[in-house]
Structures are given as structure tokens and as C-alpha cells.
């Protein structure tokens, strides 16, 4: 039974020292430190730690936001740890313990917040799309900029056998994949 601490920063202005001090004060046996700075979130050391954890171990973090961007990520991790019979504690939530008597109700509240976060995100997305449409911005896949007549001419050009599909695609501004699709559909090939 080992107590593992996990400390992470995601911004150059942050510092691991406070998290490490809290974890040491709590008496962890080993601290895994992770620094990632960038757009994409890579938590390689966390993944390695999760693989290493076995039944009876403990994972301790100073703050709940060190493990995920949102409640859903945190809940997913808690479920994974529960399946492995690993105790999980969050120090900034009064030492919240997944093996404690209040774990289920608190996780239910986390779950409710997760649903609320998703709803808020979807509403923001819907409003953003609506605002973009009002401004006349095109959303979604780019529309066809070739005509039926252009396609027919491209197919005739292909039948002549003088030009490659790439050349025909460039001339008539028809994507190669679309041109191949219509060649096959017309039974030319």
C-alpha cells in the first residue's frame, strides 16, 4: 500500500512547490510531478502512474483541478480508480476520500455539476453558432463550388483518356474523391 501524490502545472506562471509541500505534509510516499504547457493536454506521467497503481494504493492530489479540465474527466478518473480499488483523496476538498462515508453523495453532486457544465457548454456553442449565422458566416462543410455541367464536362474529358484524374480535377475544380465517385457511379471505370 503506497501513497502516491500527483502534482501538475499547466502554465508558466504556476509553480509546483505549493502542491508538493501539501503532498509531503500529508505523508505521501512518492510524488509524481508533471509539467505541460501548450494547447494539447498530455499527461504521460499521470497515465504511467495510473498503470502502476494497484489495489490498496492511494492517489492524492492537492487540488481537484489538477486531474482534469472538467468534472467529467475527474469522475471518469475516480471510477477508474474505484475499479482498481485505489483510494483517492483531494486535499483542497477537506481531504475528500473516495472510500469515505460521503463519497457517493459527493460524487453524485460532481456528476450533477458535470451535466450542468455540459449543458452550459452546449448552450454557449449554440449561441456562438447562432451569432455566426447572423453575421453571415458559413458554418460546417464547404459547399460545392462546381456545377453539374462542370461534372459532365469532366467525365467527358476523362472518357477521352488524354488527361489524368488529377489534371481534370484541377481544371474543373472538382475534388479528386468526388470525381472518382462519379466516374464509378457512371460505370465508366
N, C-alpha and C. Protein backbone atom coordinates (compact mmCIF):
# COMPACT_ATOMS: atom_id res chain seq x y z
N UNK A 1 0.84 -1.18 0.00
CA UNK A 1 0.00 0.00 0.00
C UNK A 1 0.88 1.24 0.00
N UNK A 2 0.90 1.89 -1.13
CA UNK A 2 1.74 3.07 -1.29
C UNK A 2 0.87 4.30 -1.48
N UNK A 3 1.28 5.41 -0.89
CA UNK A 3 0.60 6.69 -1.08
C UNK A 3 1.35 7.45 -2.16
N UNK A 4 0.67 7.66 -3.29
CA UNK A 4 1.26 8.42 -4.39
C UNK A 4 0.63 9.80 -4.43
N UNK A 5 1.47 10.80 -4.62
CA UNK A 5 0.98 12.16 -4.81
C UNK A 5 1.16 12.54 -6.27
N UNK A 6 0.24 13.33 -6.79
CA UNK A 6 0.35 13.79 -8.17
C UNK A 6 0.23 15.31 -8.17
N UNK A 7 1.23 15.98 -8.75
CA UNK A 7 1.25 17.44 -8.84
C UNK A 7 1.45 17.82 -10.29
N UNK A 8 0.69 18.81 -10.75
CA UNK A 8 0.77 19.20 -12.15
C UNK A 8 0.58 20.70 -12.29
N UNK A 9 1.33 21.28 -13.22
CA UNK A 9 1.07 22.67 -13.62
C UNK A 9 0.86 22.70 -15.12
N UNK A 10 0.11 23.71 -15.56
CA UNK A 10 -0.20 23.80 -16.98
C UNK A 10 0.08 25.19 -17.53
N UNK A 11 0.77 25.99 -16.75
CA UNK A 11 1.00 27.37 -17.16
C UNK A 11 2.37 27.80 -16.62
N UNK A 12 3.09 28.58 -17.41
CA UNK A 12 4.43 29.02 -17.00
C UNK A 12 4.40 29.84 -15.71
N UNK A 13 3.28 30.48 -15.43
CA UNK A 13 3.20 31.32 -14.23
C UNK A 13 2.94 30.49 -12.97
N UNK A 14 2.66 29.21 -13.13
CA UNK A 14 2.38 28.35 -11.98
C UNK A 14 3.66 27.72 -11.46
N UNK A 15 3.56 27.21 -10.24
CA UNK A 15 4.71 26.60 -9.59
C UNK A 15 4.25 25.33 -8.86
N UNK A 16 5.05 24.29 -8.95
CA UNK A 16 4.71 23.01 -8.31
C UNK A 16 4.96 23.00 -6.81
N UNK A 17 5.73 23.94 -6.30
CA UNK A 17 6.19 23.89 -4.91
C UNK A 17 5.05 23.77 -3.89
N UNK A 18 4.01 24.58 -4.04
CA UNK A 18 2.91 24.55 -3.06
C UNK A 18 2.23 23.19 -3.05
N UNK A 19 1.98 22.64 -4.24
CA UNK A 19 1.35 21.31 -4.32
C UNK A 19 2.24 20.26 -3.66
N UNK A 20 3.53 20.32 -3.98
CA UNK A 20 4.47 19.34 -3.44
C UNK A 20 4.54 19.43 -1.91
N UNK A 21 4.56 20.66 -1.39
CA UNK A 21 4.59 20.84 0.07
C UNK A 21 3.35 20.23 0.72
N UNK A 22 2.17 20.48 0.14
CA UNK A 22 0.93 19.92 0.69
C UNK A 22 0.97 18.40 0.68
N UNK A 23 1.45 17.84 -0.41
CA UNK A 23 1.51 16.38 -0.53
C UNK A 23 2.49 15.79 0.47
N UNK A 24 3.64 16.46 0.64
CA UNK A 24 4.63 15.98 1.62
C UNK A 24 4.05 16.05 3.03
N UNK A 25 3.35 17.17 3.33
CA UNK A 25 2.74 17.32 4.66
C UNK A 25 1.72 16.22 4.92
N UNK A 26 1.08 15.74 3.87
CA UNK A 26 0.07 14.68 4.02
C UNK A 26 0.72 13.31 4.18
N UNK A 27 2.02 13.24 3.89
CA UNK A 27 2.75 12.00 4.11
C UNK A 27 2.76 11.02 2.95
N UNK A 28 2.78 11.55 1.73
CA UNK A 28 2.83 10.64 0.58
C UNK A 28 4.21 10.00 0.48
N UNK A 29 4.24 8.81 -0.10
CA UNK A 29 5.49 8.07 -0.24
C UNK A 29 6.26 8.49 -1.49
N UNK A 30 5.52 8.80 -2.54
CA UNK A 30 6.16 9.14 -3.82
C UNK A 30 5.33 10.21 -4.52
N UNK A 31 6.00 11.23 -5.04
CA UNK A 31 5.30 12.32 -5.74
C UNK A 31 5.66 12.28 -7.21
N UNK A 32 4.65 12.26 -8.03
CA UNK A 32 4.83 12.32 -9.48
C UNK A 32 4.51 13.75 -9.90
N UNK A 33 5.48 14.38 -10.58
CA UNK A 33 5.33 15.77 -11.00
C UNK A 33 5.19 15.83 -12.51
N UNK A 34 4.27 16.67 -12.95
CA UNK A 34 4.06 16.79 -14.40
C UNK A 34 3.93 18.26 -14.76
N UNK A 35 4.65 18.63 -15.80
CA UNK A 35 4.58 19.98 -16.33
C UNK A 35 4.23 19.87 -17.79
N UNK A 36 3.11 20.45 -18.17
CA UNK A 36 2.81 20.53 -19.60
C UNK A 36 2.34 21.93 -19.87
N UNK A 37 2.85 22.46 -20.93
CA UNK A 37 2.48 23.81 -21.32
C UNK A 37 2.22 23.78 -22.81
N UNK A 38 1.03 24.09 -23.18
CA UNK A 38 0.67 24.05 -24.59
C UNK A 38 -0.83 23.89 -24.74
N UNK A 39 -1.25 23.76 -25.99
CA UNK A 39 -2.67 23.66 -26.30
C UNK A 39 -3.20 22.29 -25.95
N UNK A 40 -2.51 21.26 -26.40
CA UNK A 40 -2.99 19.90 -26.16
C UNK A 40 -2.54 19.41 -24.80
N UNK A 41 -3.43 18.68 -24.17
CA UNK A 41 -3.14 18.18 -22.84
C UNK A 41 -2.56 16.78 -22.92
N UNK A 42 -1.31 16.64 -22.51
CA UNK A 42 -0.67 15.34 -22.47
C UNK A 42 -0.27 15.09 -21.03
N UNK A 43 -0.82 14.04 -20.47
CA UNK A 43 -0.49 13.71 -19.08
C UNK A 43 0.16 12.34 -19.06
N UNK A 44 1.33 12.25 -19.68
CA UNK A 44 2.03 10.97 -19.78
C UNK A 44 2.38 10.39 -18.41
N UNK A 45 2.85 11.24 -17.52
CA UNK A 45 3.26 10.75 -16.20
C UNK A 45 2.05 10.28 -15.40
N UNK A 46 0.92 10.97 -15.56
CA UNK A 46 -0.30 10.52 -14.89
C UNK A 46 -0.72 9.15 -15.42
N UNK A 47 -0.66 9.00 -16.73
CA UNK A 47 -1.02 7.71 -17.34
C UNK A 47 -0.12 6.59 -16.81
N UNK A 48 1.18 6.88 -16.73
CA UNK A 48 2.12 5.88 -16.20
C UNK A 48 1.81 5.56 -14.74
N UNK A 49 1.47 6.59 -13.97
CA UNK A 49 1.13 6.38 -12.56
C UNK A 49 -0.13 5.52 -12.43
N UNK A 50 -1.14 5.80 -13.25
CA UNK A 50 -2.38 5.03 -13.19
C UNK A 50 -2.13 3.56 -13.51
N UNK A 51 -1.21 3.31 -14.43
CA UNK A 51 -0.85 1.92 -14.76
C UNK A 51 -0.17 1.24 -13.57
N UNK A 52 0.59 2.01 -12.83
CA UNK A 52 1.39 1.49 -11.72
C UNK A 52 0.54 1.18 -10.47
N UNK A 53 -0.56 1.92 -10.30
CA UNK A 53 -1.39 1.77 -9.10
C UNK A 53 -2.02 0.39 -9.01
N UNK A 54 -2.02 -0.15 -7.80
CA UNK A 54 -2.64 -1.46 -7.57
C UNK A 54 -3.60 -1.35 -6.38
N UNK A 55 -4.41 -2.37 -6.19
CA UNK A 55 -5.40 -2.39 -5.11
C UNK A 55 -4.73 -2.07 -3.77
N UNK A 56 -5.36 -1.16 -3.04
CA UNK A 56 -4.84 -0.77 -1.73
C UNK A 56 -3.98 0.49 -1.76
N UNK A 57 -3.50 0.89 -2.94
CA UNK A 57 -2.71 2.12 -3.05
C UNK A 57 -3.62 3.33 -2.88
N UNK A 58 -2.99 4.49 -2.69
CA UNK A 58 -3.72 5.75 -2.60
C UNK A 58 -3.15 6.73 -3.60
N UNK A 59 -4.02 7.50 -4.23
CA UNK A 59 -3.61 8.60 -5.10
C UNK A 59 -4.12 9.87 -4.44
N UNK A 60 -3.22 10.81 -4.22
CA UNK A 60 -3.57 12.04 -3.51
C UNK A 60 -3.16 13.23 -4.37
N UNK A 61 -4.08 14.18 -4.50
CA UNK A 61 -3.78 15.43 -5.21
C UNK A 61 -4.08 16.59 -4.28
N UNK A 62 -3.36 17.69 -4.48
CA UNK A 62 -3.58 18.87 -3.65
C UNK A 62 -4.89 19.56 -4.03
N UNK A 63 -5.17 19.61 -5.35
CA UNK A 63 -6.39 20.29 -5.82
C UNK A 63 -7.05 19.44 -6.89
N UNK A 64 -8.37 19.43 -6.89
CA UNK A 64 -9.12 18.59 -7.83
C UNK A 64 -8.89 18.98 -9.29
N UNK A 65 -8.60 20.23 -9.55
CA UNK A 65 -8.43 20.67 -10.95
C UNK A 65 -7.10 20.22 -11.55
N UNK A 66 -6.28 19.54 -10.79
CA UNK A 66 -5.00 19.05 -11.31
C UNK A 66 -5.17 17.78 -12.14
N UNK A 67 -6.32 17.16 -12.07
CA UNK A 67 -6.51 15.88 -12.76
C UNK A 67 -7.34 15.98 -14.03
N UNK A 68 -8.10 17.04 -14.20
CA UNK A 68 -8.92 17.12 -15.40
C UNK A 68 -9.40 18.53 -15.65
N UNK A 69 -9.77 18.77 -16.88
CA UNK A 69 -10.27 20.09 -17.26
C UNK A 69 -11.69 20.32 -16.77
N UNK A 70 -12.41 19.23 -16.54
CA UNK A 70 -13.80 19.37 -16.14
C UNK A 70 -14.21 18.23 -15.21
N UNK A 71 -15.41 18.34 -14.71
CA UNK A 71 -15.91 17.36 -13.76
C UNK A 71 -16.00 15.98 -14.37
N UNK A 72 -16.36 15.90 -15.64
CA UNK A 72 -16.50 14.60 -16.29
C UNK A 72 -15.16 13.85 -16.29
N UNK A 73 -14.07 14.55 -16.60
CA UNK A 73 -12.76 13.90 -16.58
C UNK A 73 -12.42 13.41 -15.17
N UNK A 74 -12.75 14.22 -14.18
CA UNK A 74 -12.48 13.83 -12.80
C UNK A 74 -13.31 12.61 -12.41
N UNK A 75 -14.59 12.61 -12.78
CA UNK A 75 -15.45 11.46 -12.47
C UNK A 75 -14.97 10.19 -13.16
N UNK A 76 -14.53 10.32 -14.40
CA UNK A 76 -14.01 9.17 -15.14
C UNK A 76 -12.80 8.59 -14.41
N UNK A 77 -11.92 9.47 -13.96
CA UNK A 77 -10.74 9.02 -13.23
C UNK A 77 -11.12 8.34 -11.92
N UNK A 78 -12.06 8.95 -11.19
CA UNK A 78 -12.50 8.37 -9.91
C UNK A 78 -13.07 6.98 -10.14
N UNK A 79 -13.88 6.82 -11.18
CA UNK A 79 -14.44 5.49 -11.49
C UNK A 79 -13.34 4.48 -11.81
N UNK A 80 -12.34 4.93 -12.59
CA UNK A 80 -11.22 4.04 -12.93
C UNK A 80 -10.47 3.61 -11.66
N UNK A 81 -10.26 4.56 -10.76
CA UNK A 81 -9.55 4.25 -9.52
C UNK A 81 -10.38 3.31 -8.64
N UNK A 82 -11.69 3.54 -8.58
CA UNK A 82 -12.56 2.66 -7.79
C UNK A 82 -12.52 1.24 -8.32
N UNK A 83 -12.50 1.11 -9.65
CA UNK A 83 -12.44 -0.23 -10.26
C UNK A 83 -11.15 -0.96 -9.87
N UNK A 84 -10.08 -0.20 -9.68
CA UNK A 84 -8.79 -0.80 -9.30
C UNK A 84 -8.66 -0.93 -7.78
N UNK A 85 -9.69 -0.49 -7.05
CA UNK A 85 -9.68 -0.49 -5.58
C UNK A 85 -8.54 0.38 -5.05
N UNK A 86 -8.39 1.56 -5.67
CA UNK A 86 -7.38 2.54 -5.25
C UNK A 86 -8.11 3.69 -4.56
N UNK A 87 -7.66 4.04 -3.38
CA UNK A 87 -8.25 5.15 -2.63
C UNK A 87 -7.77 6.45 -3.27
N UNK A 88 -8.67 7.42 -3.36
CA UNK A 88 -8.35 8.70 -3.99
C UNK A 88 -8.73 9.82 -3.03
N UNK A 89 -7.80 10.73 -2.82
CA UNK A 89 -8.06 11.86 -1.91
C UNK A 89 -7.73 13.18 -2.60
N UNK A 90 -8.54 14.18 -2.27
CA UNK A 90 -8.34 15.53 -2.79
C UNK A 90 -8.19 16.45 -1.59
N UNK A 91 -7.01 17.01 -1.41
CA UNK A 91 -6.71 17.77 -0.20
C UNK A 91 -7.49 19.07 -0.10
N UNK A 92 -7.70 19.79 -1.22
CA UNK A 92 -8.39 21.08 -1.12
C UNK A 92 -9.90 20.91 -0.92
N UNK A 93 -10.39 19.69 -0.95
CA UNK A 93 -11.80 19.42 -0.65
C UNK A 93 -11.88 18.71 0.70
N UNK A 94 -11.17 19.27 1.66
CA UNK A 94 -11.11 18.70 3.02
C UNK A 94 -10.69 17.25 3.02
N UNK A 95 -9.77 16.91 2.14
CA UNK A 95 -9.27 15.54 2.09
C UNK A 95 -10.30 14.55 1.57
N UNK A 96 -11.20 15.02 0.70
CA UNK A 96 -12.23 14.14 0.13
C UNK A 96 -11.63 12.77 -0.18
N UNK A 97 -12.33 11.74 0.23
CA UNK A 97 -11.83 10.38 0.15
C UNK A 97 -12.88 9.50 -0.52
N UNK A 98 -12.51 8.85 -1.62
CA UNK A 98 -13.48 8.01 -2.34
C UNK A 98 -13.89 6.79 -1.54
N UNK A 99 -13.19 6.50 -0.46
CA UNK A 99 -13.56 5.35 0.38
C UNK A 99 -14.29 5.81 1.64
N UNK A 100 -14.54 7.12 1.75
CA UNK A 100 -15.21 7.66 2.94
C UNK A 100 -16.72 7.54 2.86
N UNK A 101 -17.40 7.85 3.98
CA UNK A 101 -18.85 7.69 4.05
C UNK A 101 -19.63 8.65 3.15
N UNK A 102 -19.04 9.78 2.80
CA UNK A 102 -19.76 10.76 1.99
C UNK A 102 -19.38 10.69 0.52
N UNK A 103 -18.61 9.70 0.14
CA UNK A 103 -18.11 9.61 -1.24
C UNK A 103 -19.24 9.56 -2.26
N UNK A 104 -20.20 8.68 -2.07
CA UNK A 104 -21.27 8.53 -3.06
C UNK A 104 -22.07 9.81 -3.25
N UNK A 105 -22.56 10.45 -2.17
CA UNK A 105 -23.31 11.69 -2.39
C UNK A 105 -22.47 12.79 -3.04
N UNK A 106 -21.22 12.89 -2.64
CA UNK A 106 -20.37 13.93 -3.23
C UNK A 106 -20.12 13.64 -4.70
N UNK A 107 -19.89 12.38 -5.05
CA UNK A 107 -19.70 12.02 -6.46
C UNK A 107 -20.98 12.27 -7.25
N UNK A 108 -22.14 12.07 -6.63
CA UNK A 108 -23.41 12.37 -7.30
C UNK A 108 -23.51 13.87 -7.58
N UNK A 109 -23.05 14.67 -6.62
CA UNK A 109 -23.05 16.12 -6.83
C UNK A 109 -22.08 16.48 -7.95
N UNK A 110 -20.88 15.87 -7.94
CA UNK A 110 -19.92 16.09 -9.03
C UNK A 110 -20.56 15.74 -10.36
N UNK A 111 -21.28 14.64 -10.38
CA UNK A 111 -21.93 14.19 -11.61
C UNK A 111 -22.95 15.22 -12.08
N UNK A 112 -23.71 15.77 -11.13
CA UNK A 112 -24.70 16.80 -11.48
C UNK A 112 -24.00 18.03 -12.04
N UNK A 113 -22.88 18.41 -11.43
CA UNK A 113 -22.13 19.55 -11.95
C UNK A 113 -21.58 19.26 -13.34
N UNK A 114 -21.19 18.03 -13.57
CA UNK A 114 -20.71 17.63 -14.88
C UNK A 114 -21.80 17.82 -15.93
N UNK A 115 -23.00 17.38 -15.61
CA UNK A 115 -24.13 17.57 -16.53
C UNK A 115 -24.38 19.06 -16.76
N UNK A 116 -24.30 19.85 -15.69
CA UNK A 116 -24.51 21.28 -15.80
C UNK A 116 -23.44 21.91 -16.69
N UNK A 117 -22.18 21.50 -16.51
CA UNK A 117 -21.09 22.01 -17.35
C UNK A 117 -21.36 21.71 -18.82
N UNK A 118 -21.79 20.48 -19.10
CA UNK A 118 -22.08 20.11 -20.49
C UNK A 118 -23.21 20.95 -21.06
N UNK A 119 -24.25 21.16 -20.25
CA UNK A 119 -25.39 21.97 -20.71
C UNK A 119 -24.96 23.40 -21.00
N UNK A 120 -24.16 23.95 -20.11
CA UNK A 120 -23.67 25.32 -20.30
C UNK A 120 -22.81 25.39 -21.56
N UNK A 121 -21.94 24.41 -21.75
CA UNK A 121 -21.08 24.39 -22.93
C UNK A 121 -21.91 24.31 -24.20
N UNK A 122 -22.91 23.43 -24.20
CA UNK A 122 -23.76 23.28 -25.39
C UNK A 122 -24.53 24.57 -25.68
N UNK A 123 -25.00 25.24 -24.62
CA UNK A 123 -25.73 26.49 -24.80
C UNK A 123 -24.80 27.57 -25.37
N UNK A 124 -23.57 27.64 -24.86
CA UNK A 124 -22.60 28.61 -25.40
C UNK A 124 -22.31 28.31 -26.87
N UNK A 125 -22.17 27.03 -27.18
CA UNK A 125 -21.90 26.63 -28.56
C UNK A 125 -23.07 27.03 -29.46
N UNK A 126 -24.30 26.75 -29.00
CA UNK A 126 -25.49 27.09 -29.78
C UNK A 126 -25.56 28.59 -30.03
N UNK A 127 -25.31 29.39 -28.99
CA UNK A 127 -25.34 30.85 -29.13
C UNK A 127 -24.25 31.33 -30.10
N UNK A 128 -23.08 30.72 -30.01
CA UNK A 128 -21.98 31.10 -30.91
C UNK A 128 -22.32 30.81 -32.36
N UNK A 129 -22.91 29.66 -32.61
CA UNK A 129 -23.31 29.29 -33.97
C UNK A 129 -24.38 30.25 -34.47
N UNK A 130 -25.34 30.55 -33.61
CA UNK A 130 -26.42 31.47 -33.97
C UNK A 130 -25.86 32.85 -34.32
N UNK A 131 -24.93 33.34 -33.49
CA UNK A 131 -24.32 34.65 -33.73
C UNK A 131 -23.53 34.65 -35.04
N UNK A 132 -22.82 33.57 -35.31
CA UNK A 132 -22.04 33.48 -36.55
C UNK A 132 -22.97 33.48 -37.76
N UNK A 133 -24.07 32.76 -37.67
CA UNK A 133 -25.03 32.73 -38.78
C UNK A 133 -25.61 34.11 -39.04
N UNK A 134 -25.93 34.85 -37.96
CA UNK A 134 -26.48 36.19 -38.12
C UNK A 134 -25.49 37.12 -38.82
N UNK A 135 -24.20 36.86 -38.61
CA UNK A 135 -23.17 37.66 -39.26
C UNK A 135 -22.89 37.18 -40.67
N UNK A 136 -23.58 36.12 -41.08
CA UNK A 136 -23.42 35.61 -42.44
C UNK A 136 -22.23 34.69 -42.62
N UNK A 137 -21.67 34.21 -41.54
CA UNK A 137 -20.52 33.31 -41.66
C UNK A 137 -21.00 31.91 -42.02
N UNK A 138 -20.25 31.27 -42.88
CA UNK A 138 -20.58 29.91 -43.29
C UNK A 138 -20.07 28.94 -42.24
N UNK A 139 -20.93 28.03 -41.83
CA UNK A 139 -20.55 27.03 -40.84
C UNK A 139 -20.64 25.65 -41.46
N UNK A 140 -19.81 24.77 -41.00
CA UNK A 140 -19.86 23.40 -41.49
C UNK A 140 -18.98 23.21 -42.71
N UNK A 141 -19.29 22.14 -43.40
CA UNK A 141 -18.50 21.76 -44.55
C UNK A 141 -18.62 22.77 -45.69
N UNK A 142 -17.54 22.94 -46.42
CA UNK A 142 -17.52 23.86 -47.54
C UNK A 142 -18.48 23.36 -48.61
N UNK A 143 -19.22 24.26 -49.18
CA UNK A 143 -20.16 23.88 -50.22
C UNK A 143 -19.46 23.54 -51.53
N UNK A 144 -20.20 22.89 -52.41
CA UNK A 144 -19.65 22.56 -53.73
C UNK A 144 -19.45 23.84 -54.52
N UNK A 145 -18.31 23.94 -55.13
CA UNK A 145 -18.11 25.10 -56.00
C UNK A 145 -17.97 24.65 -57.44
N UNK A 146 -18.56 23.51 -57.76
CA UNK A 146 -18.59 23.03 -59.13
C UNK A 146 -20.03 22.71 -59.49
N UNK A 147 -20.31 22.76 -60.77
CA UNK A 147 -21.68 22.58 -61.24
C UNK A 147 -21.86 21.20 -61.87
N UNK A 148 -23.11 20.87 -62.10
CA UNK A 148 -23.45 19.61 -62.76
C UNK A 148 -22.86 19.60 -64.17
N UNK A 149 -22.93 20.75 -64.82
CA UNK A 149 -22.38 20.85 -66.18
C UNK A 149 -20.87 20.64 -66.16
N UNK A 150 -20.21 21.20 -65.15
CA UNK A 150 -18.76 21.02 -65.00
C UNK A 150 -18.41 19.56 -64.78
N UNK A 151 -19.23 18.87 -63.99
CA UNK A 151 -19.02 17.44 -63.75
C UNK A 151 -19.16 16.65 -65.04
N UNK A 152 -20.21 16.98 -65.81
CA UNK A 152 -20.42 16.27 -67.09
C UNK A 152 -19.24 16.50 -68.02
N UNK A 153 -18.74 17.73 -68.07
CA UNK A 153 -17.58 18.03 -68.91
C UNK A 153 -16.35 17.27 -68.41
N UNK A 154 -16.19 17.19 -67.09
CA UNK A 154 -15.05 16.47 -66.51
C UNK A 154 -15.13 14.99 -66.86
N UNK A 155 -16.32 14.41 -66.82
CA UNK A 155 -16.49 12.99 -67.16
C UNK A 155 -16.19 12.76 -68.64
N UNK A 156 -16.63 13.70 -69.50
CA UNK A 156 -16.33 13.60 -70.93
C UNK A 156 -14.82 13.66 -71.16
N UNK A 157 -14.17 14.56 -70.43
CA UNK A 157 -12.71 14.71 -70.52
C UNK A 157 -12.03 13.41 -70.10
N UNK A 158 -12.54 12.78 -69.05
CA UNK A 158 -11.97 11.53 -68.56
C UNK A 158 -12.13 10.43 -69.61
N UNK A 159 -13.29 10.40 -70.27
CA UNK A 159 -13.55 9.39 -71.31
C UNK A 159 -12.58 9.51 -72.48
N UNK A 160 -12.16 10.73 -72.77
CA UNK A 160 -11.21 10.94 -73.87
C UNK A 160 -9.88 10.25 -73.57
N UNK A 161 -9.55 10.15 -72.27
CA UNK A 161 -8.32 9.46 -71.87
C UNK A 161 -7.06 10.26 -72.10
N UNK A 162 -7.17 11.55 -72.35
CA UNK A 162 -6.00 12.38 -72.62
C UNK A 162 -5.40 13.01 -71.36
N UNK A 163 -6.20 13.10 -70.31
CA UNK A 163 -5.73 13.75 -69.08
C UNK A 163 -5.95 12.82 -67.89
N UNK A 164 -5.13 13.04 -66.87
CA UNK A 164 -5.27 12.24 -65.64
C UNK A 164 -6.42 12.81 -64.80
N UNK A 165 -6.85 12.02 -63.83
CA UNK A 165 -7.90 12.48 -62.93
C UNK A 165 -7.43 13.72 -62.17
N UNK A 166 -6.16 13.76 -61.78
CA UNK A 166 -5.62 14.94 -61.09
C UNK A 166 -5.74 16.18 -61.95
N UNK A 167 -5.37 16.06 -63.21
CA UNK A 167 -5.45 17.22 -64.11
C UNK A 167 -6.89 17.67 -64.30
N UNK A 168 -7.78 16.72 -64.50
CA UNK A 168 -9.20 17.05 -64.69
C UNK A 168 -9.76 17.69 -63.42
N UNK A 169 -9.38 17.14 -62.30
CA UNK A 169 -9.82 17.68 -61.01
C UNK A 169 -9.40 19.15 -60.87
N UNK A 170 -8.17 19.46 -61.25
CA UNK A 170 -7.68 20.83 -61.18
C UNK A 170 -8.39 21.75 -62.16
N UNK A 171 -8.61 21.27 -63.37
CA UNK A 171 -9.25 22.09 -64.41
C UNK A 171 -10.67 22.47 -64.01
N UNK A 172 -11.44 21.49 -63.55
CA UNK A 172 -12.86 21.72 -63.26
C UNK A 172 -13.15 22.02 -61.79
N UNK A 173 -12.09 22.10 -61.01
CA UNK A 173 -12.22 22.43 -59.59
C UNK A 173 -13.17 21.46 -58.86
N UNK A 174 -13.03 20.18 -59.19
CA UNK A 174 -13.81 19.13 -58.56
C UNK A 174 -12.84 18.27 -57.74
N UNK A 175 -13.13 18.05 -56.47
CA UNK A 175 -12.23 17.22 -55.67
C UNK A 175 -12.03 15.85 -56.32
N UNK A 176 -10.81 15.35 -56.24
CA UNK A 176 -10.50 14.04 -56.85
C UNK A 176 -11.42 12.95 -56.34
N UNK A 177 -11.66 12.94 -55.03
CA UNK A 177 -12.51 11.89 -54.46
C UNK A 177 -13.91 11.96 -55.05
N UNK A 178 -14.43 13.17 -55.27
CA UNK A 178 -15.76 13.31 -55.88
C UNK A 178 -15.73 12.85 -57.33
N UNK A 179 -14.68 13.20 -58.02
CA UNK A 179 -14.56 12.80 -59.43
C UNK A 179 -14.50 11.28 -59.54
N UNK A 180 -13.70 10.64 -58.70
CA UNK A 180 -13.64 9.17 -58.71
C UNK A 180 -15.02 8.57 -58.39
N UNK A 181 -15.71 9.18 -57.44
CA UNK A 181 -17.04 8.69 -57.06
C UNK A 181 -17.98 8.72 -58.26
N UNK A 182 -18.01 9.85 -58.98
CA UNK A 182 -18.93 9.97 -60.12
C UNK A 182 -18.49 9.13 -61.31
N UNK A 183 -17.19 8.93 -61.46
CA UNK A 183 -16.70 8.03 -62.52
C UNK A 183 -17.21 6.62 -62.25
N UNK A 184 -17.07 6.20 -61.01
CA UNK A 184 -17.53 4.85 -60.63
C UNK A 184 -19.05 4.76 -60.74
N UNK A 185 -19.75 5.78 -60.29
CA UNK A 185 -21.22 5.79 -60.31
C UNK A 185 -21.74 5.73 -61.75
N UNK A 186 -21.02 6.38 -62.67
CA UNK A 186 -21.43 6.39 -64.07
C UNK A 186 -21.05 5.08 -64.77
N UNK A 187 -20.29 4.25 -64.08
CA UNK A 187 -19.89 2.96 -64.66
C UNK A 187 -18.83 3.10 -65.74
N UNK A 188 -18.10 4.18 -65.71
CA UNK A 188 -17.08 4.45 -66.73
C UNK A 188 -15.85 3.60 -66.47
N UNK A 189 -15.54 3.38 -65.28
CA UNK A 189 -14.30 2.71 -64.91
C UNK A 189 -14.39 1.22 -64.99
